[in-house]
Amino acid sequence: MCLAVPAEIIHLNNGVATCRVGGSQSTIRASLMLLSENPAIGDYLVIHAGFALRVMDFAEAEESLRLLRETVCDAQVSKAVSEHPGDAPIAAAFAESGKV
């Protein structure tokens, strides 16, 4: 499965954006050649397979990242519960804490 991820532009150079994903220190680079508009540092891009597909606003990017985090958290809890059914209450409480 492939996933397009929103990322914040931290550097622009010759048609390539260096971006940070979800507030982490990890960066990815994306070609801007498919965009019809010129993004700026601080803008968010939807990136897939090394290409920026579109510019998105901060609120939309944050909501997308929140949903992605929730999905990952839910998948981790489901896996933990299926492997160790007796730990279901602990896994659920941990997930609710937002520390997964």
PDB file of N, CA and C in Angstrom:
ATOM      1  N   MET A   1       0.842  -1.166   0.000  1.00  0.00           N
ATOM      2  CA  MET A   1       0.000   0.000   0.000  1.00  0.00           C
ATOM      3  C   MET A   1       0.892   1.236   0.000  1.00  0.00           C
ATOM      4  N   CYS A   2       0.485   2.235  -0.741  1.00  0.00           N
ATOM      5  CA  CYS A   2       1.208   3.499  -0.788  1.00  0.00           C
ATOM      6  C   CYS A   2       0.401   4.566  -0.066  1.00  0.00           C
ATOM      7  N   LEU A   3       1.109   5.525   0.474  1.00  0.00           N
ATOM      8  CA  LEU A   3       0.468   6.542   1.270  1.00  0.00           C
ATOM      9  C   LEU A   3       1.058   7.902   0.935  1.00  0.00           C
ATOM     10  N   ALA A   4       0.207   8.889   0.671  1.00  0.00           N
ATOM     11  CA  ALA A   4       0.663  10.263   0.472  1.00  0.00           C
ATOM     12  C   ALA A   4       0.670  10.931   1.840  1.00  0.00           C
ATOM     13  N   VAL A   5       1.780  11.580   2.173  1.00  0.00           N
ATOM     14  CA  VAL A   5       1.980  12.122   3.503  1.00  0.00           C
ATOM     15  C   VAL A   5       2.149  13.638   3.442  1.00  0.00           C
ATOM     16  N   PRO A   6       1.451  14.392   4.321  1.00  0.00           N
ATOM     17  CA  PRO A   6       1.687  15.834   4.371  1.00  0.00           C
ATOM     18  C   PRO A   6       2.995  16.138   5.094  1.00  0.00           C
ATOM     19  N   ALA A   7       3.753  17.091   4.553  1.00  0.00           N
ATOM     20  CA  ALA A   7       5.039  17.443   5.138  1.00  0.00           C
ATOM     21  C   ALA A   7       5.286  18.942   4.988  1.00  0.00           C
ATOM     22  N   GLU A   8       5.947  19.521   5.994  1.00  0.00           N
ATOM     23  CA  GLU A   8       6.221  20.954   6.009  1.00  0.00           C
ATOM     24  C   GLU A   8       7.530  21.261   5.290  1.00  0.00           C
ATOM     25  N   ILE A   9       7.506  22.242   4.409  1.00  0.00           N
ATOM     26  CA  ILE A   9       8.712  22.648   3.679  1.00  0.00           C
ATOM     27  C   ILE A   9       9.641  23.411   4.623  1.00  0.00           C
ATOM     28  N   ILE A  10      10.890  22.934   4.711  1.00  0.00           N
ATOM     29  CA  ILE A  10      11.882  23.630   5.526  1.00  0.00           C
ATOM     30  C   ILE A  10      13.009  24.214   4.672  1.00  0.00           C
ATOM     31  N   HIS A  11      13.097  23.787   3.408  1.00  0.00           N
ATOM     32  CA  HIS A  11      14.140  24.306   2.521  1.00  0.00           C
ATOM     33  C   HIS A  11      13.701  24.086   1.068  1.00  0.00           C
ATOM     34  N   LEU A  12      13.981  25.069   0.223  1.00  0.00           N
ATOM     35  CA  LEU A  12      13.702  24.955  -1.215  1.00  0.00           C
ATOM     36  C   LEU A  12      14.989  25.187  -1.990  1.00  0.00           C
ATOM     37  N   ASN A  13      15.229  24.346  -2.998  1.00  0.00           N
ATOM     38  CA  ASN A  13      16.428  24.507  -3.814  1.00  0.00           C
ATOM     39  C   ASN A  13      16.212  23.900  -5.190  1.00  0.00           C
ATOM     40  N   ASN A  14      16.189  24.744  -6.200  1.00  0.00           N
ATOM     41  CA  ASN A  14      16.179  24.296  -7.592  1.00  0.00           C
ATOM     42  C   ASN A  14      15.070  23.281  -7.889  1.00  0.00           C
ATOM     43  N   GLY A  15      13.843  23.597  -7.489  1.00  0.00           N
ATOM     44  CA  GLY A  15      12.709  22.731  -7.794  1.00  0.00           C
ATOM     45  C   GLY A  15      12.539  21.526  -6.903  1.00  0.00           C
ATOM     46  N   VAL A  16      13.289  21.496  -5.787  1.00  0.00           N
ATOM     47  CA  VAL A  16      13.184  20.386  -4.843  1.00  0.00           C
ATOM     48  C   VAL A  16      12.952  20.963  -3.449  1.00  0.00           C
ATOM     49  N   ALA A  17      11.985  20.407  -2.744  1.00  0.00           N
ATOM     50  CA  ALA A  17      11.688  20.825  -1.374  1.00  0.00           C
ATOM     51  C   ALA A  17      12.220  19.787  -0.400  1.00  0.00           C
ATOM     52  N   THR A  18      12.883  20.264   0.634  1.00  0.00           N
ATOM     53  CA  THR A  18      13.230  19.405   1.764  1.00  0.00           C
ATOM     54  C   THR A  18      12.156  19.654   2.808  1.00  0.00           C
ATOM     55  N   CYS A  19      11.547  18.583   3.290  1.00  0.00           N
ATOM     56  CA  CYS A  19      10.372  18.708   4.162  1.00  0.00           C
ATOM     57  C   CYS A  19      10.524  17.869   5.418  1.00  0.00           C
ATOM     58  N   ARG A  20       9.854  18.337   6.474  1.00  0.00           N
ATOM     59  CA  ARG A  20       9.807  17.623   7.744  1.00  0.00           C
ATOM     60  C   ARG A  20       8.398  17.027   7.881  1.00  0.00           C
ATOM     61  N   VAL A  21       8.337  15.784   8.321  1.00  0.00           N
ATOM     62  CA  VAL A  21       7.057  15.096   8.459  1.00  0.00           C
ATOM     63  C   VAL A  21       6.651  15.027   9.922  1.00  0.00           C
ATOM     64  N   GLY A  22       5.462  15.558  10.236  1.00  0.00           N
ATOM     65  CA  GLY A  22       4.861  15.404  11.549  1.00  0.00           C
ATOM     66  C   GLY A  22       5.661  15.931  12.717  1.00  0.00           C
ATOM     67  N   GLY A  23       6.456  16.956  12.526  1.00  0.00           N
ATOM     68  CA  GLY A  23       7.204  17.540  13.626  1.00  0.00           C
ATOM     69  C   GLY A  23       8.435  16.744  14.034  1.00  0.00           C
ATOM     70  N   SER A  24       8.743  15.682  13.326  1.00  0.00           N
ATOM     71  CA  SER A  24       9.928  14.886  13.650  1.00  0.00           C
ATOM     72  C   SER A  24      11.171  15.567  13.087  1.00  0.00           C
ATOM     73  N   GLN A  25      12.309  15.009  13.375  1.00  0.00           N
ATOM     74  CA  GLN A  25      13.555  15.526  12.811  1.00  0.00           C
ATOM     75  C   GLN A  25      13.875  14.863  11.468  1.00  0.00           C
ATOM     76  N   SER A  26      13.090  13.859  11.088  1.00  0.00           N
ATOM     77  CA  SER A  26      13.303  13.189   9.808  1.00  0.00           C
ATOM     78  C   SER A  26      12.881  14.107   8.669  1.00  0.00           C
ATOM     79  N   THR A  27      13.631  14.075   7.602  1.00  0.00           N
ATOM     80  CA  THR A  27      13.281  14.888   6.439  1.00  0.00           C
ATOM     81  C   THR A  27      13.171  14.011   5.198  1.00  0.00           C
ATOM     82  N   ILE A  28      12.395  14.508   4.255  1.00  0.00           N
ATOM     83  CA  ILE A  28      12.288  13.874   2.947  1.00  0.00           C
ATOM     84  C   ILE A  28      12.409  14.965   1.895  1.00  0.00           C
ATOM     85  N   ARG A  29      12.812  14.577   0.701  1.00  0.00           N
ATOM     86  CA  ARG A  29      12.908  15.530  -0.401  1.00  0.00           C
ATOM     87  C   ARG A  29      11.849  15.179  -1.427  1.00  0.00           C
ATOM     88  N   ALA A  30      11.299  16.234  -2.035  1.00  0.00           N
ATOM     89  CA  ALA A  30      10.241  16.030  -3.023  1.00  0.00           C
ATOM     90  C   ALA A  30      10.423  16.983  -4.188  1.00  0.00           C
ATOM     91  N   SER A  31      10.244  16.447  -5.368  1.00  0.00           N
ATOM     92  CA  SER A  31      10.261  17.269  -6.572  1.00  0.00           C
ATOM     93  C   SER A  31       8.989  18.113  -6.614  1.00  0.00           C
ATOM     94  N   LEU A  32       9.141  19.357  -7.063  1.00  0.00           N
ATOM     95  CA  LEU A  32       8.004  20.268  -7.178  1.00  0.00           C
ATOM     96  C   LEU A  32       7.480  20.355  -8.606  1.00  0.00           C
ATOM     97  N   MET A  33       7.995  19.538  -9.511  1.00  0.00           N
ATOM     98  CA  MET A  33       7.689  19.668 -10.936  1.00  0.00           C
ATOM     99  C   MET A  33       6.213  19.457 -11.292  1.00  0.00           C
ATOM    100  N   LEU A  34       5.447  18.785 -10.458  1.00  0.00           N
ATOM    101  CA  LEU A  34       4.031  18.537 -10.760  1.00  0.00           C
ATOM    102  C   LEU A  34       3.097  19.636 -10.258  1.00  0.00           C
ATOM    103  N   LEU A  35       3.625  20.564  -9.462  1.00  0.00           N
ATOM    104  CA  LEU A  35       2.787  21.607  -8.881  1.00  0.00           C
ATOM    105  C   LEU A  35       2.515  22.740  -9.858  1.00  0.00           C
ATOM    106  N   SER A  36       1.305  23.281  -9.804  1.00  0.00           N
ATOM    107  CA  SER A  36       0.953  24.429 -10.648  1.00  0.00           C
ATOM    108  C   SER A  36       1.232  25.750  -9.930  1.00  0.00           C
ATOM    109  N   GLU A  37       1.516  25.677  -8.634  1.00  0.00           N
ATOM    110  CA  GLU A  37       1.816  26.879  -7.860  1.00  0.00           C
ATOM    111  C   GLU A  37       3.192  26.740  -7.221  1.00  0.00           C
ATOM    112  N   ASN A  38       3.773  27.880  -6.848  1.00  0.00           N
ATOM    113  CA  ASN A  38       5.084  27.871  -6.208  1.00  0.00           C
ATOM    114  C   ASN A  38       4.916  27.914  -4.695  1.00  0.00           C
ATOM    115  N   PRO A  39       5.265  26.836  -4.000  1.00  0.00           N
ATOM    116  CA  PRO A  39       5.143  26.823  -2.546  1.00  0.00           C
ATOM    117  C   PRO A  39       6.271  27.623  -1.902  1.00  0.00           C
ATOM    118  N   ALA A  40       6.090  27.934  -0.621  1.00  0.00           N
ATOM    119  CA  ALA A  40       7.092  28.675   0.145  1.00  0.00           C
ATOM    120  C   ALA A  40       7.487  27.867   1.375  1.00  0.00           C
ATOM    121  N   ILE A  41       8.599  28.231   1.967  1.00  0.00           N
ATOM    122  CA  ILE A  41       9.016  27.601   3.215  1.00  0.00           C
ATOM    123  C   ILE A  41       7.899  27.806   4.238  1.00  0.00           C
ATOM    124  N   GLY A  42       7.557  26.735   4.945  1.00  0.00           N
ATOM    125  CA  GLY A  42       6.466  26.762   5.918  1.00  0.00           C
ATOM    126  C   GLY A  42       5.170  26.207   5.370  1.00  0.00           C
ATOM    127  N   ASP A  43       5.038  26.142   4.041  1.00  0.00           N
ATOM    128  CA  ASP A  43       3.854  25.523   3.439  1.00  0.00           C
ATOM    129  C   ASP A  43       3.923  24.013   3.660  1.00  0.00           C
ATOM    130  N   TYR A  44       2.782  23.368   3.527  1.00  0.00           N
ATOM    131  CA  TYR A  44       2.706  21.908   3.607  1.00  0.00           C
ATOM    132  C   TYR A  44       2.423  21.338   2.232  1.00  0.00           C
ATOM    133  N   LEU A  45       3.048  20.206   1.950  1.00  0.00           N
ATOM    134  CA  LEU A  45       2.852  19.511   0.685  1.00  0.00           C
ATOM    135  C   LEU A  45       2.305  18.120   0.937  1.00  0.00           C
ATOM    136  N   VAL A  46       1.497  17.638   0.012  1.00  0.00           N
ATOM    137  CA  VAL A  46       1.138  16.227  -0.009  1.00  0.00           C
ATOM    138  C   VAL A  46       2.178  15.576  -0.898  1.00  0.00           C
ATOM    139  N   ILE A  47       2.932  14.633  -0.334  1.00  0.00           N
ATOM    140  CA  ILE A  47       4.047  14.010  -1.045  1.00  0.00           C
ATOM    141  C   ILE A  47       3.774  12.528  -1.232  1.00  0.00           C
ATOM    142  N   HIS A  48       4.033  12.074  -2.445  1.00  0.00           N
ATOM    143  CA  HIS A  48       3.891  10.643  -2.758  1.00  0.00           C
ATOM    144  C   HIS A  48       4.983  10.262  -3.744  1.00  0.00           C
ATOM    145  N   ALA A  49       5.724   9.224  -3.407  1.00  0.00           N
ATOM    146  CA  ALA A  49       6.754   8.662  -4.288  1.00  0.00           C
ATOM    147  C   ALA A  49       7.752   9.719  -4.762  1.00  0.00           C
ATOM    148  N   GLY A  50       8.090  10.648  -3.857  1.00  0.00           N
ATOM    149  CA  GLY A  50       9.109  11.634  -4.179  1.00  0.00           C
ATOM    150  C   GLY A  50       8.617  12.862  -4.920  1.00  0.00           C
ATOM    151  N   PHE A  51       7.315  12.971  -5.124  1.00  0.00           N
ATOM    152  CA  PHE A  51       6.742  14.118  -5.837  1.00  0.00           C
ATOM    153  C   PHE A  51       5.726  14.834  -4.953  1.00  0.00           C
ATOM    154  N   ALA A  52       5.785  16.162  -4.955  1.00  0.00           N
ATOM    155  CA  ALA A  52       4.760  16.954  -4.287  1.00  0.00           C
ATOM    156  C   ALA A  52       3.543  16.968  -5.202  1.00  0.00           C
ATOM    157  N   LEU A  53       2.405  16.521  -4.682  1.00  0.00           N
ATOM    158  CA  LEU A  53       1.182  16.449  -5.481  1.00  0.00           C
ATOM    159  C   LEU A  53       0.358  17.719  -5.385  1.00  0.00           C
ATOM    160  N   ARG A  54       0.377  18.349  -4.200  1.00  0.00           N
ATOM    161  CA  ARG A  54      -0.349  19.610  -4.022  1.00  0.00           C
ATOM    162  C   ARG A  54       0.081  20.284  -2.739  1.00  0.00           C
ATOM    163  N   VAL A  55      -0.197  21.582  -2.668  1.00  0.00           N
ATOM    164  CA  VAL A  55       0.045  22.361  -1.457  1.00  0.00           C
ATOM    165  C   VAL A  55      -1.222  22.292  -0.609  1.00  0.00           C
ATOM    166  N   MET A  56      -1.050  22.143   0.698  1.00  0.00           N
ATOM    167  CA  MET A  56      -2.212  22.122   1.595  1.00  0.00           C
ATOM    168  C   MET A  56      -1.983  23.104   2.735  1.00  0.00           C
ATOM    169  N   ASP A  57      -3.070  23.568   3.347  1.00  0.00           N
ATOM    170  CA  ASP A  57      -2.921  24.518   4.444  1.00  0.00           C
ATOM    171  C   ASP A  57      -2.605  23.785   5.745  1.00  0.00           C
ATOM    172  N   PHE A  58      -2.172  24.553   6.733  1.00  0.00           N
ATOM    173  CA  PHE A  58      -1.733  24.007   8.011  1.00  0.00           C
ATOM    174  C   PHE A  58      -2.816  23.153   8.674  1.00  0.00           C
ATOM    175  N   ALA A  59      -4.040  23.667   8.722  1.00  0.00           N
ATOM    176  CA  ALA A  59      -5.129  22.945   9.403  1.00  0.00           C
ATOM    177  C   ALA A  59      -5.392  21.591   8.746  1.00  0.00           C
ATOM    178  N   GLU A  60      -5.411  21.559   7.435  1.00  0.00           N
ATOM    179  CA  GLU A  60      -5.646  20.306   6.716  1.00  0.00           C
ATOM    180  C   GLU A  60      -4.494  19.325   6.947  1.00  0.00           C
ATOM    181  N   ALA A  61      -3.259  19.838   6.941  1.00  0.00           N
ATOM    182  CA  ALA A  61      -2.094  18.981   7.174  1.00  0.00           C
ATOM    183  C   ALA A  61      -2.134  18.385   8.583  1.00  0.00           C
ATOM    184  N   GLU A  62      -2.430  19.221   9.571  1.00  0.00           N
ATOM    185  CA  GLU A  62      -2.495  18.737  10.950  1.00  0.00           C
ATOM    186  C   GLU A  62      -3.580  17.685  11.132  1.00  0.00           C
ATOM    187  N   GLU A  63      -4.739  17.897  10.524  1.00  0.00           N
ATOM    188  CA  GLU A  63      -5.831  16.919  10.618  1.00  0.00           C
ATOM    189  C   GLU A  63      -5.428  15.601   9.957  1.00  0.00           C
ATOM    190  N   SER A  64      -4.790  15.664   8.811  1.00  0.00           N
ATOM    191  CA  SER A  64      -4.335  14.449   8.120  1.00  0.00           C
ATOM    192  C   SER A  64      -3.330  13.687   8.971  1.00  0.00           C
ATOM    193  N   LEU A  65      -2.378  14.412   9.572  1.00  0.00           N
ATOM    194  CA  LEU A  65      -1.384  13.759  10.418  1.00  0.00           C
ATOM    195  C   LEU A  65      -2.020  13.167  11.672  1.00  0.00           C
ATOM    196  N   ARG A  66      -3.010  13.861  12.250  1.00  0.00           N
ATOM    197  CA  ARG A  66      -3.718  13.335  13.425  1.00  0.00           C
ATOM    198  C   ARG A  66      -4.417  12.013  13.086  1.00  0.00           C
ATOM    199  N   LEU A  67      -5.101  11.992  11.950  1.00  0.00           N
ATOM    200  CA  LEU A  67      -5.797  10.772  11.526  1.00  0.00           C
ATOM    201  C   LEU A  67      -4.812   9.641  11.252  1.00  0.00           C
ATOM    202  N   LEU A  68      -3.687   9.964  10.664  1.00  0.00           N
ATOM    203  CA  LEU A  68      -2.665   8.956  10.394  1.00  0.00           C
ATOM    204  C   LEU A  68      -2.121   8.384  11.704  1.00  0.00           C
ATOM    205  N   ARG A  69      -1.847   9.255  12.678  1.00  0.00           N
ATOM    206  CA  ARG A  69      -1.369   8.783  13.985  1.00  0.00           C
ATOM    207  C   ARG A  69      -2.399   7.886  14.664  1.00  0.00           C
ATOM    208  N   GLU A  70      -3.677   8.278  14.612  1.00  0.00           N
ATOM    209  CA  GLU A  70      -4.739   7.467  15.213  1.00  0.00           C
ATOM    210  C   GLU A  70      -4.824   6.098  14.562  1.00  0.00           C
ATOM    211  N   THR A  71      -4.698   6.068  13.246  1.00  0.00           N
ATOM    212  CA  THR A  71      -4.769   4.803  12.513  1.00  0.00           C
ATOM    213  C   THR A  71      -3.626   3.886  12.917  1.00  0.00           C
ATOM    214  N   VAL A  72      -2.430   4.444  13.015  1.00  0.00           N
ATOM    215  CA  VAL A  72      -1.268   3.648  13.429  1.00  0.00           C
ATOM    216  C   VAL A  72      -1.457   3.153  14.854  1.00  0.00           C
ATOM    217  N   CYS A  73      -1.919   4.040  15.735  1.00  0.00           N
ATOM    218  CA  CYS A  73      -2.159   3.658  17.129  1.00  0.00           C
ATOM    219  C   CYS A  73      -3.183   2.534  17.209  1.00  0.00           C
ATOM    220  N   ASP A  74      -4.295   2.668  16.499  1.00  0.00           N
ATOM    221  CA  ASP A  74      -5.333   1.634  16.507  1.00  0.00           C
ATOM    222  C   ASP A  74      -4.786   0.303  16.006  1.00  0.00           C
ATOM    223  N   ALA A  75      -3.961   0.350  14.966  1.00  0.00           N
ATOM    224  CA  ALA A  75      -3.384  -0.882  14.418  1.00  0.00           C
ATOM    225  C   ALA A  75      -2.443  -1.535  15.425  1.00  0.00           C
ATOM    226  N   GLN A  76      -1.665  -0.729  16.134  1.00  0.00           N
ATOM    227  CA  GLN A  76      -0.744  -1.273  17.136  1.00  0.00           C
ATOM    228  C   GLN A  76      -1.511  -1.907  18.292  1.00  0.00           C
ATOM    229  N   VAL A  77      -2.564  -1.251  18.731  1.00  0.00           N
ATOM    230  CA  VAL A  77      -3.370  -1.802  19.830  1.00  0.00           C
ATOM    231  C   VAL A  77      -4.044  -3.095  19.378  1.00  0.00           C
ATOM    232  N   SER A  78      -4.612  -3.108  18.178  1.00  0.00           N
ATOM    233  CA  SER A  78      -5.270  -4.316  17.672  1.00  0.00           C
ATOM    234  C   SER A  78      -4.302  -5.479  17.592  1.00  0.00           C
ATOM    235  N   LYS A  79      -3.091  -5.204  17.124  1.00  0.00           N
ATOM    236  CA  LYS A  79      -2.087  -6.260  17.021  1.00  0.00           C
ATOM    237  C   LYS A  79      -1.716  -6.775  18.409  1.00  0.00           C
ATOM    238  N   ALA A  80      -1.503  -5.861  19.355  1.00  0.00           N
ATOM    239  CA  ALA A  80      -1.132  -6.261  20.717  1.00  0.00           C
ATOM    240  C   ALA A  80      -2.223  -7.107  21.351  1.00  0.00           C
ATOM    241  N   VAL A  81      -3.474  -6.703  21.172  1.00  0.00           N
ATOM    242  CA  VAL A  81      -4.595  -7.440  21.760  1.00  0.00           C
ATOM    243  C   VAL A  81      -4.740  -8.819  21.117  1.00  0.00           C
ATOM    244  N   SER A  82      -4.543  -8.893  19.797  1.00  0.00           N
ATOM    245  CA  SER A  82      -4.672 -10.199  19.138  1.00  0.00           C
ATOM    246  C   SER A  82      -3.563 -11.151  19.562  1.00  0.00           C
ATOM    247  N   GLU A  83      -2.372 -10.603  19.863  1.00  0.00           N
ATOM    248  CA  GLU A  83      -1.258 -11.449  20.287  1.00  0.00           C
ATOM    249  C   GLU A  83      -1.322 -11.787  21.770  1.00  0.00           C
ATOM    250  N   HIS A  84      -1.934 -10.894  22.578  1.00  0.00           N
ATOM    251  CA  HIS A  84      -1.999 -11.075  24.029  1.00  0.00           C
ATOM    252  C   HIS A  84      -3.363 -10.605  24.527  1.00  0.00           C
ATOM    253  N   PRO A  85      -4.418 -11.407  24.312  1.00  0.00           N
ATOM    254  CA  PRO A  85      -5.779 -10.985  24.662  1.00  0.00           C
ATOM    255  C   PRO A  85      -5.941 -10.535  26.111  1.00  0.00           C
ATOM    256  N   GLY A  86      -5.184 -11.094  27.033  1.00  0.00           N
ATOM    257  CA  GLY A  86      -5.304 -10.713  28.435  1.00  0.00           C
ATOM    258  C   GLY A  86      -4.842  -9.290  28.716  1.00  0.00           C
ATOM    259  N   ASP A  87      -4.077  -8.709  27.803  1.00  0.00           N
ATOM    260  CA  ASP A  87      -3.554  -7.357  27.998  1.00  0.00           C
ATOM    261  C   ASP A  87      -4.437  -6.286  27.370  1.00  0.00           C
ATOM    262  N   ALA A  88      -5.627  -6.641  26.905  1.00  0.00           N
ATOM    263  CA  ALA A  88      -6.503  -5.687  26.219  1.00  0.00           C
ATOM    264  C   ALA A  88      -6.776  -4.432  27.041  1.00  0.00           C
ATOM    265  N   PRO A  89      -7.115  -4.520  28.337  1.00  0.00           N
ATOM    266  CA  PRO A  89      -7.375  -3.294  29.103  1.00  0.00           C
ATOM    267  C   PRO A  89      -6.152  -2.382  29.192  1.00  0.00           C
ATOM    268  N   ILE A  90      -4.976  -2.969  29.340  1.00  0.00           N
ATOM    269  CA  ILE A  90      -3.740  -2.179  29.423  1.00  0.00           C
ATOM    270  C   ILE A  90      -3.472  -1.510  28.082  1.00  0.00           C
ATOM    271  N   ALA A  91      -3.622  -2.247  26.992  1.00  0.00           N
ATOM    272  CA  ALA A  91      -3.381  -1.692  25.658  1.00  0.00           C
ATOM    273  C   ALA A  91      -4.346  -0.551  25.365  1.00  0.00           C
ATOM    274  N   ALA A  92      -5.602  -0.712  25.749  1.00  0.00           N
ATOM    275  CA  ALA A  92      -6.600   0.345  25.508  1.00  0.00           C
ATOM    276  C   ALA A  92      -6.266   1.598  26.308  1.00  0.00           C
ATOM    277  N   ALA A  93      -5.868   1.436  27.552  1.00  0.00           N
ATOM    278  CA  ALA A  93      -5.518   2.605  28.381  1.00  0.00           C
ATOM    279  C   ALA A  93      -4.277   3.290  27.828  1.00  0.00           C
ATOM    280  N   PHE A  94      -3.314   2.534  27.376  1.00  0.00           N
ATOM    281  CA  PHE A  94      -2.109   3.100  26.796  1.00  0.00           C
ATOM    282  C   PHE A  94      -2.434   3.888  25.536  1.00  0.00           C
ATOM    283  N   ALA A  95      -3.302   3.343  24.696  1.00  0.00           N
ATOM    284  CA  ALA A  95      -3.700   4.021  23.452  1.00  0.00           C
ATOM    285  C   ALA A  95      -4.406   5.335  23.761  1.00  0.00           C
ATOM    286  N   GLU A  96      -5.273   5.329  24.761  1.00  0.00           N
ATOM    287  CA  GLU A  96      -5.995   6.543  25.132  1.00  0.00           C
ATOM    288  C   GLU A  96      -5.067   7.622  25.657  1.00  0.00           C
ATOM    289  N   SER A  97      -3.931   7.224  26.200  1.00  0.00           N
ATOM    290  CA  SER A  97      -2.982   8.205  26.733  1.00  0.00           C
ATOM    291  C   SER A  97      -2.272   8.954  25.623  1.00  0.00           C
ATOM    292  N   GLY A  98      -2.333   8.427  24.382  1.00  0.00           N
ATOM    293  CA  GLY A  98      -1.672   9.076  23.257  1.00  0.00           C
ATOM    294  C   GLY A  98      -0.192   8.816  23.183  1.00  0.00           C
ATOM    295  N   LYS A  99       0.318   7.839  23.943  1.00  0.00           N
ATOM    296  CA  LYS A  99       1.753   7.573  23.967  1.00  0.00           C
ATOM    297  C   LYS A  99       2.175   6.456  23.041  1.00  0.00           C
ATOM    298  N   VAL A 100       1.256   5.975  22.227  1.00  0.00           N
ATOM    299  CA  VAL A 100       1.605   4.911  21.276  1.00  0.00           C
ATOM    300  C   VAL A 100       2.137   5.577  20.032  1.00  0.00           C
TER     301      VAL A 100
END
